[in-house]
Structures are given as structure tokens and as C-alpha cells.
Amino acid sequence: MTLSEALIARFKKLMKDKNFKQFDFYSNGGMPKSTVSQFLNGKKKKVTIYTIYEMVAAMGVSLKEFFDDPIFDEVTD
């Protein structure tokens, strides 16, 4: 699994668990729609750590909590 795939899978799981929609990133987090949409749809392979931070903060999750998941043990690239 690539890092990009792992990040997307982790975000989608957290979004499902927290009943958080893509729209919430725009309305609650003030993030550009295109950035979030392209990343979560796999069209944008690279994002900055700051973008990840903004996304997890919008969901009320810490970076530690986000990255403390076994999915990142499967990253091979």
C-alpha cells in the first residue's frame, strides 16, 4: 500500500466513524474544496503535513491519534 492510499483510507475511516462529510472540511475547516476533493478521490497523490493537520484538526483529531493506526505499518513506498 502506498502512503497516499494509507492516508486516504485512514481519513475515510475516521470520516465514517465521526459521521464527517467532505463538505464539513470546507464549512468547518475552511479548506479549499478542490484540495480536499482531489486528495480524497486519489487525484492528488501528495499533500503537505500542514494540509493533513488542517484536515485532522477539522475533525477534532490530533496528529498522534491520526498516525497511531496499524494501516501505516502496511506502507511500502
PDB file of N, CA and C in Angstrom:
ATOM      1  N   MET A   1       0.850  -1.174   0.000  1.00  0.00           N
ATOM      2  CA  MET A   1       0.000   0.000   0.000  1.00  0.00           C
ATOM      3  C   MET A   1       0.897   1.238   0.000  1.00  0.00           C
ATOM      4  N   THR A   2       0.540   2.200  -0.825  1.00  0.00           N
ATOM      5  CA  THR A   2       1.320   3.433  -0.868  1.00  0.00           C
ATOM      6  C   THR A   2       0.921   4.340   0.303  1.00  0.00           C
ATOM      7  N   LEU A   3       1.764   5.307   0.580  1.00  0.00           N
ATOM      8  CA  LEU A   3       1.458   6.258   1.640  1.00  0.00           C
ATOM      9  C   LEU A   3       0.171   7.010   1.325  1.00  0.00           C
ATOM     10  N   SER A   4       0.013   7.417   0.092  1.00  0.00           N
ATOM     11  CA  SER A   4      -1.195   8.132  -0.319  1.00  0.00           C
ATOM     12  C   SER A   4      -2.445   7.285  -0.080  1.00  0.00           C
ATOM     13  N   GLU A   5      -2.389   6.021  -0.446  1.00  0.00           N
ATOM     14  CA  GLU A   5      -3.523   5.113  -0.229  1.00  0.00           C
ATOM     15  C   GLU A   5      -3.826   4.954   1.254  1.00  0.00           C
ATOM     16  N   ALA A   6      -2.779   4.846   2.072  1.00  0.00           N
ATOM     17  CA  ALA A   6      -2.966   4.701   3.518  1.00  0.00           C
ATOM     18  C   ALA A   6      -3.591   5.957   4.121  1.00  0.00           C
ATOM     19  N   LEU A   7      -3.126   7.126   3.692  1.00  0.00           N
ATOM     20  CA  LEU A   7      -3.690   8.383   4.195  1.00  0.00           C
ATOM     21  C   LEU A   7      -5.166   8.496   3.840  1.00  0.00           C
ATOM     22  N   ILE A   8      -5.499   8.194   2.590  1.00  0.00           N
ATOM     23  CA  ILE A   8      -6.891   8.275   2.147  1.00  0.00           C
ATOM     24  C   ILE A   8      -7.757   7.293   2.929  1.00  0.00           C
ATOM     25  N   ALA A   9      -7.287   6.060   3.070  1.00  0.00           N
ATOM     26  CA  ALA A   9      -8.055   5.051   3.810  1.00  0.00           C
ATOM     27  C   ALA A   9      -8.263   5.475   5.266  1.00  0.00           C
ATOM     28  N   ARG A  10      -7.226   6.034   5.877  1.00  0.00           N
ATOM     29  CA  ARG A  10      -7.345   6.477   7.270  1.00  0.00           C
ATOM     30  C   ARG A  10      -8.345   7.625   7.394  1.00  0.00           C
ATOM     31  N   PHE A  11      -8.270   8.587   6.489  1.00  0.00           N
ATOM     32  CA  PHE A  11      -9.230   9.691   6.524  1.00  0.00           C
ATOM     33  C   PHE A  11     -10.649   9.181   6.328  1.00  0.00           C
ATOM     34  N   LYS A  12     -10.841   8.293   5.366  1.00  0.00           N
ATOM     35  CA  LYS A  12     -12.194   7.798   5.097  1.00  0.00           C
ATOM     36  C   LYS A  12     -12.757   7.014   6.279  1.00  0.00           C
ATOM     37  N   LYS A  13     -11.900   6.253   6.965  1.00  0.00           N
ATOM     38  CA  LYS A  13     -12.378   5.520   8.149  1.00  0.00           C
ATOM     39  C   LYS A  13     -12.763   6.495   9.256  1.00  0.00           C
ATOM     40  N   LEU A  14     -11.919   7.477   9.520  1.00  0.00           N
ATOM     41  CA  LEU A  14     -12.249   8.476  10.546  1.00  0.00           C
ATOM     42  C   LEU A  14     -13.509   9.253  10.175  1.00  0.00           C
ATOM     43  N   MET A  15     -13.636   9.590   8.915  1.00  0.00           N
ATOM     44  CA  MET A  15     -14.828  10.319   8.475  1.00  0.00           C
ATOM     45  C   MET A  15     -16.084   9.490   8.720  1.00  0.00           C
ATOM     46  N   LYS A  16     -16.009   8.206   8.423  1.00  0.00           N
ATOM     47  CA  LYS A  16     -17.160   7.320   8.654  1.00  0.00           C
ATOM     48  C   LYS A  16     -17.456   7.211  10.145  1.00  0.00           C
ATOM     49  N   ASP A  17     -16.413   6.993  10.943  1.00  0.00           N
ATOM     50  CA  ASP A  17     -16.584   6.847  12.397  1.00  0.00           C
ATOM     51  C   ASP A  17     -17.174   8.098  13.037  1.00  0.00           C
ATOM     52  N   LYS A  18     -16.808   9.254  12.524  1.00  0.00           N
ATOM     53  CA  LYS A  18     -17.247  10.525  13.108  1.00  0.00           C
ATOM     54  C   LYS A  18     -18.422  11.151  12.351  1.00  0.00           C
ATOM     55  N   ASN A  19     -18.947  10.417  11.354  1.00  0.00           N
ATOM     56  CA  ASN A  19     -20.039  10.928  10.532  1.00  0.00           C
ATOM     57  C   ASN A  19     -19.684  12.305   9.963  1.00  0.00           C
ATOM     58  N   PHE A  20     -18.489  12.392   9.416  1.00  0.00           N
ATOM     59  CA  PHE A  20     -17.919  13.633   8.892  1.00  0.00           C
ATOM     60  C   PHE A  20     -17.918  13.550   7.374  1.00  0.00           C
ATOM     61  N   LYS A  21     -18.457  14.520   6.721  1.00  0.00           N
ATOM     62  CA  LYS A  21     -18.555  14.547   5.262  1.00  0.00           C
ATOM     63  C   LYS A  21     -17.502  15.487   4.669  1.00  0.00           C
ATOM     64  N   GLN A  22     -17.223  15.320   3.373  1.00  0.00           N
ATOM     65  CA  GLN A  22     -16.270  16.218   2.714  1.00  0.00           C
ATOM     66  C   GLN A  22     -16.682  17.672   2.886  1.00  0.00           C
ATOM     67  N   PHE A  23     -17.964  17.937   2.812  1.00  0.00           N
ATOM     68  CA  PHE A  23     -18.467  19.296   2.968  1.00  0.00           C
ATOM     69  C   PHE A  23     -18.029  19.909   4.299  1.00  0.00           C
ATOM     70  N   ASP A  24     -17.911  19.085   5.328  1.00  0.00           N
ATOM     71  CA  ASP A  24     -17.509  19.583   6.657  1.00  0.00           C
ATOM     72  C   ASP A  24     -16.096  20.157   6.648  1.00  0.00           C
ATOM     73  N   PHE A  25     -15.227  19.650   5.791  1.00  0.00           N
ATOM     74  CA  PHE A  25     -13.882  20.220   5.692  1.00  0.00           C
ATOM     75  C   PHE A  25     -13.940  21.651   5.170  1.00  0.00           C
ATOM     76  N   TYR A  26     -14.861  21.895   4.240  1.00  0.00           N
ATOM     77  CA  TYR A  26     -14.983  23.234   3.669  1.00  0.00           C
ATOM     78  C   TYR A  26     -15.662  24.177   4.658  1.00  0.00           C
ATOM     79  N   SER A  27     -16.750  23.705   5.264  1.00  0.00           N
ATOM     80  CA  SER A  27     -17.531  24.589   6.135  1.00  0.00           C
ATOM     81  C   SER A  27     -16.912  24.745   7.520  1.00  0.00           C
ATOM     82  N   ASN A  28     -16.407  23.667   8.100  1.00  0.00           N
ATOM     83  CA  ASN A  28     -15.830  23.731   9.452  1.00  0.00           C
ATOM     84  C   ASN A  28     -14.348  24.066   9.448  1.00  0.00           C
ATOM     85  N   GLY A  29     -13.645  23.544   8.457  1.00  0.00           N
ATOM     86  CA  GLY A  29     -12.196  23.710   8.427  1.00  0.00           C
ATOM     87  C   GLY A  29     -11.720  24.831   7.532  1.00  0.00           C
ATOM     88  N   GLY A  30     -12.619  25.381   6.721  1.00  0.00           N
ATOM     89  CA  GLY A  30     -12.239  26.460   5.816  1.00  0.00           C
ATOM     90  C   GLY A  30     -11.242  26.041   4.741  1.00  0.00           C
ATOM     91  N   MET A  31     -11.237  24.761   4.419  1.00  0.00           N
ATOM     92  CA  MET A  31     -10.288  24.250   3.437  1.00  0.00           C
ATOM     93  C   MET A  31     -10.852  24.382   2.026  1.00  0.00           C
ATOM     94  N   PRO A  32      -9.997  24.589   1.033  1.00  0.00           N
ATOM     95  CA  PRO A  32     -10.472  24.659  -0.350  1.00  0.00           C
ATOM     96  C   PRO A  32     -11.092  23.328  -0.783  1.00  0.00           C
ATOM     97  N   LYS A  33     -12.237  23.431  -1.419  1.00  0.00           N
ATOM     98  CA  LYS A  33     -12.955  22.236  -1.873  1.00  0.00           C
ATOM     99  C   LYS A  33     -12.092  21.380  -2.792  1.00  0.00           C
ATOM    100  N   SER A  34     -11.367  22.026  -3.695  1.00  0.00           N
ATOM    101  CA  SER A  34     -10.568  21.282  -4.671  1.00  0.00           C
ATOM    102  C   SER A  34      -9.458  20.477  -3.992  1.00  0.00           C
ATOM    103  N   THR A  35      -8.820  21.035  -2.994  1.00  0.00           N
ATOM    104  CA  THR A  35      -7.736  20.336  -2.289  1.00  0.00           C
ATOM    105  C   THR A  35      -8.253  19.058  -1.650  1.00  0.00           C
ATOM    106  N   VAL A  36      -9.330  19.180  -0.897  1.00  0.00           N
ATOM    107  CA  VAL A  36      -9.890  18.025  -0.185  1.00  0.00           C
ATOM    108  C   VAL A  36     -10.424  16.997  -1.174  1.00  0.00           C
ATOM    109  N   SER A  37     -11.173  17.449  -2.148  1.00  0.00           N
ATOM    110  CA  SER A  37     -11.785  16.547  -3.114  1.00  0.00           C
ATOM    111  C   SER A  37     -10.733  15.788  -3.921  1.00  0.00           C
ATOM    112  N   GLN A  38      -9.741  16.497  -4.432  1.00  0.00           N
ATOM    113  CA  GLN A  38      -8.700  15.845  -5.236  1.00  0.00           C
ATOM    114  C   GLN A  38      -7.906  14.846  -4.399  1.00  0.00           C
ATOM    115  N   PHE A  39      -7.633  15.188  -3.152  1.00  0.00           N
ATOM    116  CA  PHE A  39      -6.874  14.274  -2.297  1.00  0.00           C
ATOM    117  C   PHE A  39      -7.690  13.029  -1.970  1.00  0.00           C
ATOM    118  N   LEU A  40      -8.912  13.201  -1.472  1.00  0.00           N
ATOM    119  CA  LEU A  40      -9.717  12.056  -1.050  1.00  0.00           C
ATOM    120  C   LEU A  40     -10.163  11.183  -2.219  1.00  0.00           C
ATOM    121  N   ASN A  41     -10.170  11.731  -3.424  1.00  0.00           N
ATOM    122  CA  ASN A  41     -10.516  10.936  -4.606  1.00  0.00           C
ATOM    123  C   ASN A  41      -9.287  10.339  -5.289  1.00  0.00           C
ATOM    124  N   GLY A  42      -8.107  10.538  -4.697  1.00  0.00           N
ATOM    125  CA  GLY A  42      -6.886   9.931  -5.206  1.00  0.00           C
ATOM    126  C   GLY A  42      -6.274  10.624  -6.400  1.00  0.00           C
ATOM    127  N   LYS A  43      -6.784  11.802  -6.767  1.00  0.00           N
ATOM    128  CA  LYS A  43      -6.231  12.522  -7.912  1.00  0.00           C
ATOM    129  C   LYS A  43      -4.996  13.324  -7.547  1.00  0.00           C
ATOM    130  N   LYS A  44      -4.883  13.683  -6.294  1.00  0.00           N
ATOM    131  CA  LYS A  44      -3.724  14.418  -5.801  1.00  0.00           C
ATOM    132  C   LYS A  44      -2.962  13.467  -4.874  1.00  0.00           C
ATOM    133  N   LYS A  45      -1.792  13.026  -5.314  1.00  0.00           N
ATOM    134  CA  LYS A  45      -1.045  11.999  -4.585  1.00  0.00           C
ATOM    135  C   LYS A  45      -0.230  12.549  -3.419  1.00  0.00           C
ATOM    136  N   LYS A  46       0.139  13.826  -3.486  1.00  0.00           N
ATOM    137  CA  LYS A  46       0.982  14.404  -2.447  1.00  0.00           C
ATOM    138  C   LYS A  46       0.261  15.562  -1.770  1.00  0.00           C
ATOM    139  N   VAL A  47       0.282  15.538  -0.451  1.00  0.00           N
ATOM    140  CA  VAL A  47      -0.253  16.650   0.338  1.00  0.00           C
ATOM    141  C   VAL A  47       0.780  17.000   1.396  1.00  0.00           C
ATOM    142  N   THR A  48       0.742  18.228   1.854  1.00  0.00           N
ATOM    143  CA  THR A  48       1.695  18.645   2.878  1.00  0.00           C
ATOM    144  C   THR A  48       1.218  18.176   4.244  1.00  0.00           C
ATOM    145  N   ILE A  49       2.131  18.129   5.169  1.00  0.00           N
ATOM    146  CA  ILE A  49       1.764  17.769   6.544  1.00  0.00           C
ATOM    147  C   ILE A  49       0.823  18.825   7.114  1.00  0.00           C
ATOM    148  N   TYR A  50       0.965  20.052   6.662  1.00  0.00           N
ATOM    149  CA  TYR A  50       0.068  21.109   7.133  1.00  0.00           C
ATOM    150  C   TYR A  50      -1.369  20.856   6.663  1.00  0.00           C
ATOM    151  N   THR A  51      -1.538  20.372   5.432  1.00  0.00           N
ATOM    152  CA  THR A  51      -2.873  20.028   4.942  1.00  0.00           C
ATOM    153  C   THR A  51      -3.465  18.893   5.768  1.00  0.00           C
ATOM    154  N   ILE A  52      -2.649  17.894   6.056  1.00  0.00           N
ATOM    155  CA  ILE A  52      -3.109  16.789   6.902  1.00  0.00           C
ATOM    156  C   ILE A  52      -3.509  17.323   8.266  1.00  0.00           C
ATOM    157  N   TYR A  53      -2.694  18.209   8.823  1.00  0.00           N
ATOM    158  CA  TYR A  53      -3.006  18.809  10.121  1.00  0.00           C
ATOM    159  C   TYR A  53      -4.341  19.556  10.081  1.00  0.00           C
ATOM    160  N   GLU A  54      -4.559  20.351   9.045  1.00  0.00           N
ATOM    161  CA  GLU A  54      -5.824  21.096   8.928  1.00  0.00           C
ATOM    162  C   GLU A  54      -7.013  20.143   8.849  1.00  0.00           C
ATOM    163  N   MET A  55      -6.842  19.047   8.123  1.00  0.00           N
ATOM    164  CA  MET A  55      -7.940  18.090   7.980  1.00  0.00           C
ATOM    165  C   MET A  55      -8.242  17.369   9.281  1.00  0.00           C
ATOM    166  N   VAL A  56      -7.208  16.922   9.985  1.00  0.00           N
ATOM    167  CA  VAL A  56      -7.468  16.216  11.246  1.00  0.00           C
ATOM    168  C   VAL A  56      -8.006  17.180  12.302  1.00  0.00           C
ATOM    169  N   ALA A  57      -7.504  18.411  12.297  1.00  0.00           N
ATOM    170  CA  ALA A  57      -7.995  19.404  13.255  1.00  0.00           C
ATOM    171  C   ALA A  57      -9.473  19.693  13.019  1.00  0.00           C
ATOM    172  N   ALA A  58      -9.888  19.754  11.761  1.00  0.00           N
ATOM    173  CA  ALA A  58     -11.297  19.988  11.446  1.00  0.00           C
ATOM    174  C   ALA A  58     -12.176  18.865  11.992  1.00  0.00           C
ATOM    175  N   MET A  59     -11.609  17.661  12.084  1.00  0.00           N
ATOM    176  CA  MET A  59     -12.358  16.519  12.617  1.00  0.00           C
ATOM    177  C   MET A  59     -12.222  16.381  14.125  1.00  0.00           C
ATOM    178  N   GLY A  60     -11.400  17.224  14.740  1.00  0.00           N
ATOM    179  CA  GLY A  60     -11.200  17.126  16.185  1.00  0.00           C
ATOM    180  C   GLY A  60     -10.300  15.982  16.599  1.00  0.00           C
ATOM    181  N   VAL A  61      -9.330  15.669  15.733  1.00  0.00           N
ATOM    182  CA  VAL A  61      -8.408  14.561  15.961  1.00  0.00           C
ATOM    183  C   VAL A  61      -6.995  15.119  15.999  1.00  0.00           C
ATOM    184  N   SER A  62      -6.149  14.575  16.870  1.00  0.00           N
ATOM    185  CA  SER A  62      -4.753  15.011  16.917  1.00  0.00           C
ATOM    186  C   SER A  62      -3.943  14.259  15.862  1.00  0.00           C
ATOM    187  N   LEU A  63      -2.806  14.823  15.495  1.00  0.00           N
ATOM    188  CA  LEU A  63      -1.916  14.134  14.562  1.00  0.00           C
ATOM    189  C   LEU A  63      -1.473  12.795  15.119  1.00  0.00           C
ATOM    190  N   LYS A  64      -1.202  12.750  16.424  1.00  0.00           N
ATOM    191  CA  LYS A  64      -0.793  11.489  17.056  1.00  0.00           C
ATOM    192  C   LYS A  64      -1.877  10.428  16.900  1.00  0.00           C
ATOM    193  N   GLU A  65      -3.112  10.813  17.189  1.00  0.00           N
ATOM    194  CA  GLU A  65      -4.225   9.869  17.055  1.00  0.00           C
ATOM    195  C   GLU A  65      -4.382   9.417  15.600  1.00  0.00           C
ATOM    196  N   PHE A  66      -4.229  10.350  14.667  1.00  0.00           N
ATOM    197  CA  PHE A  66      -4.376  10.019  13.259  1.00  0.00           C
ATOM    198  C   PHE A  66      -3.330   8.998  12.812  1.00  0.00           C
ATOM    199  N   PHE A  67      -2.067   9.256  13.126  1.00  0.00           N
ATOM    200  CA  PHE A  67      -0.991   8.391  12.648  1.00  0.00           C
ATOM    201  C   PHE A  67      -0.781   7.140  13.510  1.00  0.00           C
ATOM    202  N   ASP A  68      -1.401   7.086  14.664  1.00  0.00           N
ATOM    203  CA  ASP A  68      -1.279   5.921  15.542  1.00  0.00           C
ATOM    204  C   ASP A  68      -2.301   4.866  15.127  1.00  0.00           C
ATOM    205  N   ASP A  69      -2.105   4.338  13.939  1.00  0.00           N
ATOM    206  CA  ASP A  69      -3.031   3.362  13.379  1.00  0.00           C
ATOM    207  C   ASP A  69      -2.219   2.302  12.617  1.00  0.00           C
ATOM    208  N   PRO A  70      -2.589   1.043  12.737  1.00  0.00           N
ATOM    209  CA  PRO A  70      -1.831  -0.023  12.073  1.00  0.00           C
ATOM    210  C   PRO A  70      -1.782   0.069  10.550  1.00  0.00           C
ATOM    211  N   ILE A  71      -2.674   0.825   9.948  1.00  0.00           N
ATOM    212  CA  ILE A  71      -2.653   0.942   8.484  1.00  0.00           C
ATOM    213  C   ILE A  71      -1.318   1.482   7.991  1.00  0.00           C
ATOM    214  N   PHE A  72      -0.662   2.307   8.804  1.00  0.00           N
ATOM    215  CA  PHE A  72       0.608   2.882   8.378  1.00  0.00           C
ATOM    216  C   PHE A  72       1.765   1.882   8.458  1.00  0.00           C
ATOM    217  N   ASP A  73       1.530   0.726   9.107  1.00  0.00           N
ATOM    218  CA  ASP A  73       2.525  -0.345   9.105  1.00  0.00           C
ATOM    219  C   ASP A  73       2.575  -1.042   7.747  1.00  0.00           C
ATOM    220  N   GLU A  74       1.525  -0.849   6.932  1.00  0.00           N
ATOM    221  CA  GLU A  74       1.420  -1.518   5.637  1.00  0.00           C
ATOM    222  C   GLU A  74       2.020  -0.695   4.484  1.00  0.00           C
ATOM    223  N   VAL A  75       2.509   0.508   4.791  1.00  0.00           N
ATOM    224  CA  VAL A  75       3.052   1.379   3.743  1.00  0.00           C
ATOM    225  C   VAL A  75       4.375   0.800   3.239  1.00  0.00           C
ATOM    226  N   THR A  76       4.463   0.669   1.913  1.00  0.00           N
ATOM    227  CA  THR A  76       5.669   0.070   1.336  1.00  0.00           C
ATOM    228  C   THR A  76       6.433   1.012   0.416  1.00  0.00           C
ATOM    229  N   ASP A  77       5.946   2.235   0.223  1.00  0.00           N
ATOM    230  CA  ASP A  77       6.679   3.139  -0.677  1.00  0.00           C
ATOM    231  C   ASP A  77       7.328   4.272   0.049  1.00  0.00           C
TER     232      ASP A  77
END
